[in-house]
Amino acid sequence: MAAGLLKHRIRDTRLVAVVAVALLFVSEPLWRENTLVHEPIEYLGYALVIACVIGRIWCSTFIGGYKNERVIDTGPFSMVRNPLYAFSFLGVLGIGLMSVRLSIAAILVAAFAAYYYRVVRREEIFLRETFGTAFDAYCQRVPRWLPRLSNYHADKEITTRPQFVLRTIRDSLWFFAALPAIELIEYIQVAGWMKPLFWLP
């Protein structure tokens, strides 16, 4: 199951990325640079991407590669059942906002929601079959998507697997790669090497 999901995730991520990049090349934002709206949207995108990367690393220190061995219910996992995906959602939204095209942000968010809805459903079936009543009790305490901050608790010490944290750091750096890619596309358009065909809000 995991291998199939990973294969589809890579394929689907590439497809959505190609569509988003193509839209960036042939369009320009309705709110141009140095306008009242452009900068706040762009900086909000930066902030969300930073929060995404920091949050994913934080989550990885708690789950530490033990996801399929026991129910993790401390740290970020005490507030929401899928904190890694929740932080990834912030990153995807942030990338869309960095483009200053809310339409592209909507496409990215919709694609993310459609895919991870299926992923979470399949993961929960596996976890329920594996951990039984322990997972059911966890589901009753902790919401799937919207964090319940009052639930937060964490052990004074945790055991983690460094290779898992390092892999999360490596994977999370792809979120930062969106910024130079967007800036490069803007430079190509400003230089006149490729003229946008239309505006996108």
N, C-alpha and C. Protein backbone atom coordinates (compact mmCIF):
# COMPACT_ATOMS: atom_id res chain seq x y z
N MET A 1 0.83 -1.21 0.00
CA MET A 1 0.00 0.00 0.00
C MET A 1 0.86 1.25 0.00
N ALA A 2 1.90 1.28 0.87
CA ALA A 2 2.75 2.46 0.98
C ALA A 2 3.47 2.76 -0.33
N ALA A 3 3.98 1.68 -1.00
CA ALA A 3 4.71 1.88 -2.25
C ALA A 3 3.80 2.45 -3.33
N GLY A 4 2.56 1.93 -3.38
CA GLY A 4 1.60 2.44 -4.37
C GLY A 4 1.25 3.88 -4.14
N LEU A 5 1.03 4.25 -2.88
CA LEU A 5 0.70 5.64 -2.54
C LEU A 5 1.85 6.57 -2.89
N LEU A 6 3.08 6.12 -2.59
CA LEU A 6 4.25 6.96 -2.88
C LEU A 6 4.40 7.16 -4.38
N LYS A 7 4.21 6.09 -5.15
CA LYS A 7 4.32 6.18 -6.61
C LYS A 7 3.30 7.16 -7.17
N HIS A 8 2.06 7.08 -6.69
CA HIS A 8 1.01 7.97 -7.16
C HIS A 8 1.27 9.40 -6.70
N ARG A 9 1.78 9.54 -5.48
CA ARG A 9 2.05 10.89 -4.96
C ARG A 9 3.10 11.60 -5.81
N ILE A 10 4.17 10.89 -6.16
CA ILE A 10 5.22 11.48 -6.99
C ILE A 10 4.66 11.87 -8.35
N ARG A 11 3.89 10.95 -8.96
CA ARG A 11 3.31 11.23 -10.27
C ARG A 11 2.36 12.41 -10.22
N ASP A 12 1.45 12.40 -9.24
CA ASP A 12 0.45 13.46 -9.14
C ASP A 12 1.08 14.80 -8.79
N THR A 13 2.11 14.78 -7.93
CA THR A 13 2.80 16.02 -7.57
C THR A 13 3.47 16.64 -8.79
N ARG A 14 4.10 15.80 -9.60
CA ARG A 14 4.75 16.30 -10.81
C ARG A 14 3.73 16.89 -11.77
N LEU A 15 2.59 16.23 -11.91
CA LEU A 15 1.55 16.71 -12.82
C LEU A 15 1.04 18.08 -12.39
N VAL A 16 0.73 18.22 -11.11
CA VAL A 16 0.23 19.49 -10.60
C VAL A 16 1.30 20.57 -10.73
N ALA A 17 2.56 20.21 -10.47
CA ALA A 17 3.66 21.17 -10.58
C ALA A 17 3.80 21.66 -12.02
N VAL A 18 3.68 20.77 -12.99
CA VAL A 18 3.78 21.15 -14.40
C VAL A 18 2.67 22.13 -14.77
N VAL A 19 1.44 21.83 -14.32
CA VAL A 19 0.30 22.71 -14.60
C VAL A 19 0.53 24.10 -13.98
N ALA A 20 0.98 24.11 -12.71
CA ALA A 20 1.20 25.39 -12.02
C ALA A 20 2.30 26.20 -12.70
N VAL A 21 3.41 25.55 -13.06
CA VAL A 21 4.52 26.25 -13.72
C VAL A 21 4.08 26.78 -15.09
N ALA A 22 3.31 25.98 -15.82
CA ALA A 22 2.81 26.44 -17.13
C ALA A 22 1.95 27.68 -16.97
N LEU A 23 1.08 27.69 -15.95
CA LEU A 23 0.23 28.85 -15.71
C LEU A 23 1.06 30.07 -15.33
N LEU A 24 2.13 29.85 -14.56
CA LEU A 24 3.00 30.96 -14.19
C LEU A 24 3.68 31.57 -15.41
N PHE A 25 4.11 30.73 -16.33
CA PHE A 25 4.80 31.21 -17.52
C PHE A 25 3.88 32.05 -18.42
N VAL A 26 2.63 31.63 -18.57
CA VAL A 26 1.75 32.28 -19.55
C VAL A 26 0.87 33.36 -18.94
N SER A 27 1.03 33.62 -17.65
CA SER A 27 0.18 34.62 -17.00
C SER A 27 1.02 35.59 -16.19
N GLU A 28 0.38 36.67 -15.79
CA GLU A 28 0.99 37.57 -14.81
C GLU A 28 -0.06 37.91 -13.77
N PRO A 29 0.38 38.21 -12.55
CA PRO A 29 -0.60 38.45 -11.49
C PRO A 29 -1.43 39.71 -11.75
N LEU A 30 -2.69 39.64 -11.41
CA LEU A 30 -3.57 40.79 -11.55
C LEU A 30 -3.06 41.94 -10.67
N TRP A 31 -2.53 41.58 -9.48
CA TRP A 31 -1.95 42.57 -8.58
C TRP A 31 -0.45 42.61 -8.82
N ARG A 32 0.01 43.61 -9.53
CA ARG A 32 1.40 43.67 -9.93
C ARG A 32 2.31 44.06 -8.77
N GLU A 33 3.62 43.92 -9.02
CA GLU A 33 4.60 44.22 -7.99
C GLU A 33 4.51 45.69 -7.57
N ASN A 34 4.78 45.92 -6.28
CA ASN A 34 4.75 47.26 -5.67
C ASN A 34 3.34 47.82 -5.53
N THR A 35 2.33 47.01 -5.73
CA THR A 35 0.96 47.45 -5.45
C THR A 35 0.65 47.14 -3.99
N LEU A 36 -0.45 47.70 -3.52
CA LEU A 36 -0.82 47.56 -2.11
C LEU A 36 -1.08 46.11 -1.72
N VAL A 37 -1.58 45.31 -2.65
CA VAL A 37 -1.97 43.94 -2.35
C VAL A 37 -0.84 42.94 -2.61
N HIS A 38 0.00 43.22 -3.60
CA HIS A 38 1.02 42.26 -4.04
C HIS A 38 1.96 41.84 -2.90
N GLU A 39 2.57 42.80 -2.26
CA GLU A 39 3.59 42.48 -1.25
C GLU A 39 3.04 41.70 -0.06
N PRO A 40 1.89 42.12 0.54
CA PRO A 40 1.38 41.34 1.67
C PRO A 40 1.07 39.89 1.32
N ILE A 41 0.50 39.64 0.13
CA ILE A 41 0.20 38.27 -0.28
C ILE A 41 1.50 37.47 -0.42
N GLU A 42 2.49 38.08 -1.05
CA GLU A 42 3.77 37.41 -1.26
C GLU A 42 4.44 37.07 0.06
N TYR A 43 4.48 38.03 0.98
CA TYR A 43 5.14 37.79 2.27
C TYR A 43 4.38 36.79 3.14
N LEU A 44 3.06 36.80 3.02
CA LEU A 44 2.29 35.77 3.73
C LEU A 44 2.66 34.39 3.21
N GLY A 45 2.85 34.27 1.90
CA GLY A 45 3.29 33.01 1.32
C GLY A 45 4.63 32.57 1.88
N TYR A 46 5.59 33.52 1.97
CA TYR A 46 6.90 33.19 2.55
C TYR A 46 6.74 32.65 3.98
N ALA A 47 5.92 33.34 4.77
CA ALA A 47 5.74 32.96 6.17
C ALA A 47 5.15 31.56 6.29
N LEU A 48 4.19 31.24 5.43
CA LEU A 48 3.56 29.92 5.49
C LEU A 48 4.54 28.81 5.10
N VAL A 49 5.39 29.07 4.11
CA VAL A 49 6.38 28.08 3.71
C VAL A 49 7.38 27.84 4.84
N ILE A 50 7.82 28.91 5.49
CA ILE A 50 8.74 28.77 6.63
C ILE A 50 8.09 27.98 7.75
N ALA A 51 6.82 28.30 8.05
CA ALA A 51 6.09 27.58 9.09
C ALA A 51 5.96 26.11 8.73
N CYS A 52 5.73 25.83 7.45
CA CYS A 52 5.61 24.46 6.97
C CYS A 52 6.89 23.67 7.25
N VAL A 53 8.02 24.21 6.86
CA VAL A 53 9.29 23.50 7.00
C VAL A 53 9.63 23.28 8.48
N ILE A 54 9.49 24.32 9.29
CA ILE A 54 9.77 24.18 10.72
C ILE A 54 8.80 23.18 11.35
N GLY A 55 7.53 23.26 10.99
CA GLY A 55 6.52 22.36 11.56
C GLY A 55 6.76 20.92 11.18
N ARG A 56 7.14 20.66 9.93
CA ARG A 56 7.40 19.28 9.50
C ARG A 56 8.59 18.69 10.25
N ILE A 57 9.62 19.50 10.45
CA ILE A 57 10.78 19.01 11.21
C ILE A 57 10.40 18.73 12.65
N TRP A 58 9.60 19.62 13.24
CA TRP A 58 9.11 19.42 14.61
C TRP A 58 8.34 18.10 14.71
N CYS A 59 7.45 17.86 13.78
CA CYS A 59 6.66 16.62 13.79
C CYS A 59 7.56 15.40 13.68
N SER A 60 8.57 15.48 12.82
CA SER A 60 9.41 14.31 12.57
C SER A 60 10.20 13.91 13.80
N THR A 61 10.50 14.87 14.69
CA THR A 61 11.24 14.51 15.90
C THR A 61 10.38 13.68 16.84
N PHE A 62 9.06 13.84 16.76
CA PHE A 62 8.16 13.08 17.63
C PHE A 62 7.80 11.72 17.02
N ILE A 63 7.57 11.71 15.72
CA ILE A 63 7.15 10.44 15.11
C ILE A 63 8.37 9.55 14.88
N GLY A 64 9.52 10.18 14.58
CA GLY A 64 10.81 9.50 14.57
C GLY A 64 10.89 8.16 13.89
N GLY A 65 10.04 7.89 12.89
CA GLY A 65 10.06 6.60 12.22
C GLY A 65 9.25 5.52 12.89
N TYR A 66 8.48 5.88 13.93
CA TYR A 66 7.69 4.88 14.68
C TYR A 66 6.22 4.85 14.27
N LYS A 67 5.90 5.50 13.15
CA LYS A 67 4.50 5.67 12.75
C LYS A 67 3.73 4.36 12.70
N ASN A 68 4.35 3.30 12.19
CA ASN A 68 3.67 2.02 12.04
C ASN A 68 3.92 1.05 13.18
N GLU A 69 4.56 1.55 14.26
CA GLU A 69 4.89 0.69 15.39
C GLU A 69 4.03 0.95 16.61
N ARG A 70 3.56 2.19 16.76
CA ARG A 70 2.69 2.51 17.90
C ARG A 70 1.93 3.79 17.59
N VAL A 71 0.91 4.07 18.37
CA VAL A 71 0.13 5.29 18.20
C VAL A 71 0.91 6.44 18.84
N ILE A 72 1.31 7.40 18.03
CA ILE A 72 2.04 8.57 18.54
C ILE A 72 1.01 9.62 18.93
N ASP A 73 0.99 10.01 20.20
CA ASP A 73 -0.04 10.94 20.68
C ASP A 73 0.53 12.06 21.54
N THR A 74 1.79 12.39 21.32
CA THR A 74 2.40 13.49 22.07
C THR A 74 2.90 14.57 21.10
N GLY A 75 3.25 15.73 21.66
CA GLY A 75 3.72 16.82 20.82
C GLY A 75 2.64 17.25 19.84
N PRO A 76 2.99 17.53 18.60
CA PRO A 76 1.98 17.98 17.64
C PRO A 76 0.89 16.93 17.41
N PHE A 77 1.21 15.66 17.62
CA PHE A 77 0.24 14.59 17.42
C PHE A 77 -0.80 14.52 18.54
N SER A 78 -0.59 15.30 19.59
CA SER A 78 -1.60 15.38 20.65
C SER A 78 -2.68 16.39 20.31
N MET A 79 -2.41 17.27 19.32
CA MET A 79 -3.37 18.30 18.94
C MET A 79 -4.15 17.96 17.68
N VAL A 80 -3.49 17.25 16.75
CA VAL A 80 -4.12 16.92 15.49
C VAL A 80 -3.52 15.60 15.00
N ARG A 81 -4.34 14.76 14.35
CA ARG A 81 -3.89 13.43 13.98
C ARG A 81 -2.90 13.42 12.81
N ASN A 82 -2.95 14.43 11.98
CA ASN A 82 -2.10 14.46 10.78
C ASN A 82 -1.30 15.76 10.70
N PRO A 83 -0.47 16.03 11.70
CA PRO A 83 0.23 17.32 11.69
C PRO A 83 1.22 17.48 10.54
N LEU A 84 1.86 16.39 10.09
CA LEU A 84 2.77 16.50 8.96
C LEU A 84 2.02 16.98 7.71
N TYR A 85 0.86 16.41 7.48
CA TYR A 85 0.06 16.82 6.32
C TYR A 85 -0.49 18.22 6.51
N ALA A 86 -0.87 18.56 7.75
CA ALA A 86 -1.40 19.90 8.02
C ALA A 86 -0.34 20.96 7.73
N PHE A 87 0.91 20.71 8.15
CA PHE A 87 1.98 21.66 7.86
C PHE A 87 2.30 21.69 6.37
N SER A 88 2.23 20.52 5.71
CA SER A 88 2.44 20.49 4.26
C SER A 88 1.38 21.33 3.54
N PHE A 89 0.16 21.28 4.06
CA PHE A 89 -0.92 22.09 3.49
C PHE A 89 -0.55 23.57 3.55
N LEU A 90 0.00 24.01 4.68
CA LEU A 90 0.42 25.40 4.80
C LEU A 90 1.49 25.73 3.76
N GLY A 91 2.41 24.79 3.52
CA GLY A 91 3.45 25.01 2.54
C GLY A 91 2.91 25.13 1.13
N VAL A 92 1.96 24.26 0.78
CA VAL A 92 1.35 24.30 -0.55
C VAL A 92 0.60 25.62 -0.75
N LEU A 93 -0.16 26.02 0.26
CA LEU A 93 -0.86 27.30 0.20
C LEU A 93 0.14 28.45 0.09
N GLY A 94 1.24 28.36 0.84
CA GLY A 94 2.26 29.39 0.79
C GLY A 94 2.88 29.53 -0.58
N ILE A 95 3.14 28.41 -1.25
CA ILE A 95 3.71 28.46 -2.60
C ILE A 95 2.73 29.17 -3.54
N GLY A 96 1.46 28.83 -3.42
CA GLY A 96 0.46 29.48 -4.26
C GLY A 96 0.42 30.98 -4.02
N LEU A 97 0.50 31.39 -2.75
CA LEU A 97 0.46 32.82 -2.43
C LEU A 97 1.72 33.54 -2.89
N MET A 98 2.86 32.86 -2.86
CA MET A 98 4.10 33.49 -3.33
C MET A 98 4.01 33.87 -4.80
N SER A 99 3.18 33.16 -5.56
CA SER A 99 3.00 33.50 -6.97
C SER A 99 2.10 34.72 -7.15
N VAL A 100 1.44 35.14 -6.06
CA VAL A 100 0.50 36.26 -6.06
C VAL A 100 -0.64 36.01 -7.06
N ARG A 101 -0.97 34.76 -7.22
CA ARG A 101 -2.11 34.38 -8.05
C ARG A 101 -2.99 33.47 -7.20
N LEU A 102 -4.09 34.01 -6.69
CA LEU A 102 -4.95 33.23 -5.81
C LEU A 102 -5.57 32.05 -6.55
N SER A 103 -5.71 32.18 -7.87
CA SER A 103 -6.26 31.07 -8.66
C SER A 103 -5.30 29.88 -8.63
N ILE A 104 -4.00 30.13 -8.73
CA ILE A 104 -3.02 29.04 -8.66
C ILE A 104 -2.99 28.46 -7.25
N ALA A 105 -3.09 29.32 -6.25
CA ALA A 105 -3.16 28.83 -4.87
C ALA A 105 -4.36 27.91 -4.69
N ALA A 106 -5.50 28.28 -5.29
CA ALA A 106 -6.71 27.46 -5.18
C ALA A 106 -6.52 26.11 -5.86
N ILE A 107 -5.85 26.08 -7.01
CA ILE A 107 -5.59 24.83 -7.72
C ILE A 107 -4.70 23.91 -6.88
N LEU A 108 -3.64 24.48 -6.30
CA LEU A 108 -2.73 23.69 -5.48
C LEU A 108 -3.42 23.13 -4.25
N VAL A 109 -4.21 23.97 -3.59
CA VAL A 109 -4.93 23.55 -2.38
C VAL A 109 -5.95 22.46 -2.72
N ALA A 110 -6.68 22.64 -3.82
CA ALA A 110 -7.69 21.65 -4.21
C ALA A 110 -7.04 20.31 -4.54
N ALA A 111 -5.92 20.34 -5.26
CA ALA A 111 -5.22 19.10 -5.59
C ALA A 111 -4.70 18.42 -4.34
N PHE A 112 -4.16 19.22 -3.41
CA PHE A 112 -3.65 18.67 -2.16
C PHE A 112 -4.78 18.01 -1.37
N ALA A 113 -5.90 18.72 -1.23
CA ALA A 113 -7.03 18.21 -0.45
C ALA A 113 -7.59 16.92 -1.06
N ALA A 114 -7.71 16.89 -2.38
CA ALA A 114 -8.27 15.71 -3.05
C ALA A 114 -7.37 14.50 -2.86
N TYR A 115 -6.07 14.71 -2.95
CA TYR A 115 -5.14 13.58 -2.82
C TYR A 115 -5.04 13.10 -1.38
N TYR A 116 -4.81 14.03 -0.46
CA TYR A 116 -4.56 13.60 0.92
C TYR A 116 -5.82 13.16 1.65
N TYR A 117 -6.98 13.50 1.13
CA TYR A 117 -8.21 12.93 1.68
C TYR A 117 -8.17 11.42 1.52
N ARG A 118 -7.77 10.95 0.34
CA ARG A 118 -7.67 9.51 0.09
C ARG A 118 -6.54 8.88 0.90
N VAL A 119 -5.41 9.58 0.97
CA VAL A 119 -4.26 9.05 1.71
C VAL A 119 -4.63 8.83 3.17
N VAL A 120 -5.24 9.84 3.80
CA VAL A 120 -5.58 9.75 5.21
C VAL A 120 -6.60 8.64 5.46
N ARG A 121 -7.59 8.51 4.59
CA ARG A 121 -8.57 7.45 4.75
C ARG A 121 -7.90 6.08 4.74
N ARG A 122 -6.99 5.85 3.81
CA ARG A 122 -6.31 4.57 3.72
C ARG A 122 -5.38 4.34 4.90
N GLU A 123 -4.71 5.39 5.34
CA GLU A 123 -3.81 5.25 6.50
C GLU A 123 -4.61 4.92 7.75
N GLU A 124 -5.77 5.55 7.91
CA GLU A 124 -6.57 5.30 9.10
C GLU A 124 -7.11 3.87 9.13
N ILE A 125 -7.44 3.33 7.97
CA ILE A 125 -7.86 1.93 7.91
C ILE A 125 -6.72 1.03 8.38
N PHE A 126 -5.51 1.31 7.89
CA PHE A 126 -4.35 0.52 8.29
C PHE A 126 -4.09 0.64 9.79
N LEU A 127 -4.12 1.85 10.32
CA LEU A 127 -3.84 2.07 11.74
C LEU A 127 -4.90 1.43 12.63
N ARG A 128 -6.15 1.48 12.18
CA ARG A 128 -7.23 0.85 12.95
C ARG A 128 -7.06 -0.66 12.97
N GLU A 129 -6.68 -1.23 11.85
CA GLU A 129 -6.46 -2.68 11.78
C GLU A 129 -5.24 -3.08 12.60
N THR A 130 -4.25 -2.19 12.68
CA THR A 130 -3.00 -2.51 13.38
C THR A 130 -3.10 -2.30 14.88
N PHE A 131 -3.72 -1.19 15.30
CA PHE A 131 -3.71 -0.82 16.72
C PHE A 131 -5.07 -0.93 17.41
N GLY A 132 -6.12 -1.18 16.64
CA GLY A 132 -7.43 -1.45 17.21
C GLY A 132 -7.98 -0.35 18.10
N THR A 133 -8.35 -0.73 19.33
CA THR A 133 -9.02 0.21 20.24
C THR A 133 -8.11 1.38 20.65
N ALA A 134 -6.80 1.16 20.64
CA ALA A 134 -5.88 2.25 21.00
C ALA A 134 -6.00 3.38 19.98
N PHE A 135 -6.11 3.02 18.71
CA PHE A 135 -6.26 4.05 17.69
C PHE A 135 -7.64 4.69 17.74
N ASP A 136 -8.67 3.89 18.02
CA ASP A 136 -10.03 4.43 18.15
C ASP A 136 -10.09 5.46 19.28
N ALA A 137 -9.46 5.14 20.41
CA ALA A 137 -9.44 6.07 21.54
C ALA A 137 -8.70 7.35 21.17
N TYR A 138 -7.62 7.20 20.43
CA TYR A 138 -6.86 8.37 19.97
C TYR A 138 -7.71 9.25 19.06
N CYS A 139 -8.47 8.63 18.16
CA CYS A 139 -9.33 9.39 17.25
C CYS A 139 -10.42 10.16 18.00
N GLN A 140 -10.90 9.60 19.10
CA GLN A 140 -11.93 10.28 19.89
C GLN A 140 -11.37 11.51 20.59
N ARG A 141 -10.08 11.47 20.95
CA ARG A 141 -9.46 12.58 21.67
C ARG A 141 -8.94 13.67 20.74
N VAL A 142 -8.46 13.27 19.57
CA VAL A 142 -7.69 14.18 18.72
C VAL A 142 -8.37 14.34 17.36
N PRO A 143 -8.63 15.57 16.92
CA PRO A 143 -9.27 15.79 15.61
C PRO A 143 -8.35 15.44 14.45
N ARG A 144 -8.96 15.18 13.30
CA ARG A 144 -8.20 14.75 12.12
C ARG A 144 -7.40 15.90 11.51
N TRP A 145 -8.01 17.09 11.38
CA TRP A 145 -7.37 18.17 10.64
C TRP A 145 -7.20 19.47 11.42
N LEU A 146 -8.22 19.91 12.13
CA LEU A 146 -8.14 21.20 12.83
C LEU A 146 -7.57 21.00 14.23
N PRO A 147 -6.40 21.58 14.52
CA PRO A 147 -5.74 21.33 15.81
C PRO A 147 -6.59 21.77 17.00
N ARG A 148 -6.58 20.97 18.03
CA ARG A 148 -7.20 21.32 19.30
C ARG A 148 -6.06 21.67 20.26
N LEU A 149 -5.76 22.97 20.36
CA LEU A 149 -4.57 23.41 21.09
C LEU A 149 -4.61 23.02 22.56
N SER A 150 -5.79 22.94 23.13
CA SER A 150 -5.91 22.60 24.56
C SER A 150 -5.47 21.17 24.85
N ASN A 151 -5.35 20.35 23.82
CA ASN A 151 -4.93 18.95 24.00
C ASN A 151 -3.42 18.81 24.16
N TYR A 152 -2.67 19.86 23.89
CA TYR A 152 -1.22 19.70 23.77
C TYR A 152 -0.58 19.17 25.04
N HIS A 153 0.23 18.16 24.85
CA HIS A 153 1.11 17.66 25.90
C HIS A 153 2.29 16.96 25.23
N ALA A 154 3.41 16.94 25.91
CA ALA A 154 4.61 16.29 25.37
C ALA A 154 5.44 15.73 26.52
N ASP A 155 6.06 14.60 26.27
CA ASP A 155 6.95 14.00 27.26
C ASP A 155 8.21 14.86 27.40
N LYS A 156 8.84 14.79 28.57
CA LYS A 156 10.06 15.56 28.78
C LYS A 156 11.19 15.05 27.90
N GLU A 157 11.18 13.76 27.62
CA GLU A 157 12.19 13.18 26.75
C GLU A 157 11.51 12.30 25.71
N ILE A 158 12.04 12.32 24.49
CA ILE A 158 11.52 11.46 23.43
C ILE A 158 12.68 10.74 22.74
N THR A 159 12.38 9.59 22.19
CA THR A 159 13.38 8.84 21.42
C THR A 159 13.03 9.00 19.96
N THR A 160 14.01 9.39 19.17
CA THR A 160 13.76 9.58 17.75
C THR A 160 14.84 8.90 16.94
N ARG A 161 14.61 8.81 15.65
CA ARG A 161 15.58 8.22 14.72
C ARG A 161 16.10 9.33 13.81
N PRO A 162 17.37 9.71 13.99
CA PRO A 162 17.91 10.87 13.26
C PRO A 162 17.74 10.77 11.74
N GLN A 163 17.86 9.57 11.18
CA GLN A 163 17.76 9.45 9.72
C GLN A 163 16.38 9.86 9.22
N PHE A 164 15.35 9.65 10.05
CA PHE A 164 14.00 10.05 9.66
C PHE A 164 13.88 11.57 9.68
N VAL A 165 14.46 12.20 10.70
CA VAL A 165 14.43 13.67 10.79
C VAL A 165 15.20 14.28 9.63
N LEU A 166 16.37 13.72 9.33
CA LEU A 166 17.17 14.24 8.21
C LEU A 166 16.45 14.08 6.89
N ARG A 167 15.72 12.98 6.71
CA ARG A 167 14.96 12.79 5.48
C ARG A 167 13.84 13.82 5.37
N THR A 168 13.22 14.13 6.50
CA THR A 168 12.17 15.15 6.51
C THR A 168 12.74 16.52 6.16
N ILE A 169 13.92 16.84 6.70
CA ILE A 169 14.58 18.11 6.37
C ILE A 169 14.86 18.17 4.87
N ARG A 170 15.41 17.09 4.32
CA ARG A 170 15.72 17.05 2.88
C ARG A 170 14.46 17.24 2.04
N ASP A 171 13.41 16.51 2.39
CA ASP A 171 12.16 16.60 1.62
C ASP A 171 11.53 17.99 1.75
N SER A 172 11.65 18.59 2.94
CA SER A 172 11.01 19.89 3.18
C SER A 172 11.69 21.01 2.42
N LEU A 173 12.96 20.83 2.08
CA LEU A 173 13.69 21.88 1.36
C LEU A 173 13.10 22.15 -0.02
N TRP A 174 12.34 21.19 -0.56
CA TRP A 174 11.70 21.41 -1.85
C TRP A 174 10.70 22.56 -1.78
N PHE A 175 10.13 22.80 -0.61
CA PHE A 175 9.20 23.93 -0.48
C PHE A 175 9.94 25.25 -0.71
N PHE A 176 11.20 25.33 -0.24
CA PHE A 176 11.97 26.55 -0.44
C PHE A 176 12.36 26.73 -1.91
N ALA A 177 12.45 25.63 -2.67
CA ALA A 177 12.85 25.72 -4.07
C ALA A 177 11.83 26.48 -4.91
N ALA A 178 10.59 26.58 -4.40
CA ALA A 178 9.55 27.28 -5.16
C ALA A 178 9.87 28.76 -5.32
N LEU A 179 10.50 29.36 -4.31
CA LEU A 179 10.77 30.81 -4.36
C LEU A 179 11.69 31.18 -5.52
N PRO A 180 12.89 30.59 -5.65
CA PRO A 180 13.73 30.96 -6.80
C PRO A 180 13.09 30.60 -8.13
N ALA A 181 12.29 29.54 -8.17
CA ALA A 181 11.62 29.16 -9.42
C ALA A 181 10.63 30.25 -9.84
N ILE A 182 9.84 30.75 -8.88
CA ILE A 182 8.87 31.81 -9.18
C ILE A 182 9.59 33.09 -9.58
N GLU A 183 10.67 33.42 -8.87
CA GLU A 183 11.43 34.63 -9.19
C GLU A 183 12.06 34.53 -10.58
N LEU A 184 12.53 33.33 -10.96
CA LEU A 184 13.13 33.15 -12.27
C LEU A 184 12.10 33.37 -13.38
N ILE A 185 10.90 32.84 -13.17
CA ILE A 185 9.83 33.02 -14.16
C ILE A 185 9.49 34.50 -14.29
N GLU A 186 9.42 35.22 -13.16
CA GLU A 186 9.13 36.65 -13.21
C GLU A 186 10.24 37.40 -13.95
N TYR A 187 11.49 37.00 -13.72
CA TYR A 187 12.61 37.65 -14.41
C TYR A 187 12.52 37.43 -15.91
N ILE A 188 12.20 36.21 -16.33
CA ILE A 188 12.07 35.89 -17.75
C ILE A 188 10.99 36.76 -18.39
N GLN A 189 9.89 36.97 -17.67
CA GLN A 189 8.80 37.80 -18.20
C GLN A 189 9.20 39.27 -18.26
N VAL A 190 9.83 39.76 -17.21
CA VAL A 190 10.25 41.17 -17.17
C VAL A 190 11.29 41.45 -18.26
N ALA A 191 12.19 40.49 -18.49
CA ALA A 191 13.23 40.65 -19.51
C ALA A 191 12.66 40.59 -20.92
N GLY A 192 11.40 40.20 -21.04
CA GLY A 192 10.77 40.15 -22.35
C GLY A 192 11.04 38.89 -23.14
N TRP A 193 11.63 37.88 -22.49
CA TRP A 193 11.92 36.63 -23.18
C TRP A 193 10.65 35.81 -23.41
N MET A 194 9.64 36.04 -22.58
CA MET A 194 8.36 35.37 -22.75
C MET A 194 7.27 36.31 -22.28
N LYS A 195 6.34 36.62 -23.16
CA LYS A 195 5.31 37.57 -22.82
C LYS A 195 4.08 36.85 -22.27
N PRO A 196 3.57 37.30 -21.09
CA PRO A 196 2.36 36.67 -20.54
C PRO A 196 1.18 36.87 -21.48
N LEU A 197 0.29 35.88 -21.50
CA LEU A 197 -0.87 35.93 -22.39
C LEU A 197 -2.10 36.53 -21.71
N PHE A 198 -2.15 36.44 -20.35
CA PHE A 198 -3.33 36.94 -19.65
C PHE A 198 -2.97 37.19 -18.18
N TRP A 199 -3.90 37.86 -17.49
CA TRP A 199 -3.76 38.10 -16.05
C TRP A 199 -4.52 37.04 -15.27
N LEU A 200 -3.98 36.71 -14.12
CA LEU A 200 -4.68 35.80 -13.21
C LEU A 200 -4.81 36.46 -11.85
N PRO A 201 -6.00 36.42 -11.27
CA PRO A 201 -6.17 36.97 -9.92
C PRO A 201 -5.49 36.07 -8.90
